[in-house]
Amino acid sequence: MTNALLCKRFHCVVLITETEIAELLDSHFIRGGWLAVFTPSG
């Protein structure tokens, strides 16, 4: 039961985190230059 709960919470956190990461990429990470670390320059 605990594992199932953690799994559901984990998926929920992942969905929220993806949205927050997208917002951070638009603001903080691009200014910090982190986008260059995660995205290969074409």
Protein backbone atom coordinates (compact mmCIF):
# COMPACT_ATOMS: atom_id res chain seq x y z
CA MET A 1 0.00 0.00 0.00
CA THR A 2 2.84 2.36 0.83
CA ASN A 3 4.61 1.60 -2.46
CA ALA A 4 1.43 2.30 -4.42
CA LEU A 5 0.99 5.62 -2.62
CA LEU A 6 4.59 6.61 -3.25
CA CYS A 7 4.22 5.65 -6.90
CA LYS A 8 1.12 7.82 -7.32
CA ARG A 9 2.79 10.71 -5.51
CA PHE A 10 5.94 10.27 -7.57
CA HIS A 11 4.03 10.50 -10.87
CA CYS A 12 2.21 13.57 -9.59
CA VAL A 13 5.48 15.21 -8.58
CA VAL A 14 6.99 14.37 -11.97
CA LEU A 15 4.13 16.08 -13.81
CA ILE A 16 4.41 19.17 -11.62
CA THR A 17 8.18 19.19 -11.91
CA GLU A 18 8.05 19.05 -15.72
CA THR A 19 5.83 22.12 -15.78
CA GLU A 20 8.02 24.00 -13.31
CA ILE A 21 11.17 23.02 -15.23
CA ALA A 22 9.64 24.44 -18.42
CA GLU A 23 9.01 27.73 -16.61
CA LEU A 24 12.52 27.73 -15.13
CA LEU A 25 14.03 27.05 -18.55
CA ASP A 26 12.23 30.13 -19.82
CA SER A 27 13.62 32.32 -17.06
CA HIS A 28 16.38 31.22 -14.70
CA PHE A 29 18.25 28.41 -16.46
CA ILE A 30 18.63 30.23 -19.79
CA ARG A 31 20.12 33.25 -18.03
CA GLY A 32 22.30 30.91 -15.99
CA GLY A 33 23.52 29.17 -19.13
CA TRP A 34 22.25 25.76 -18.00
CA LEU A 35 20.30 25.31 -21.23
CA ALA A 36 23.60 24.97 -23.09
CA VAL A 37 24.51 22.12 -20.74
CA PHE A 38 21.36 20.11 -21.41
CA THR A 39 20.83 21.05 -25.08
CA PRO A 40 23.52 20.33 -27.69
CA SER A 41 24.23 23.37 -29.81
CA GLY A 42 23.17 22.79 -33.41
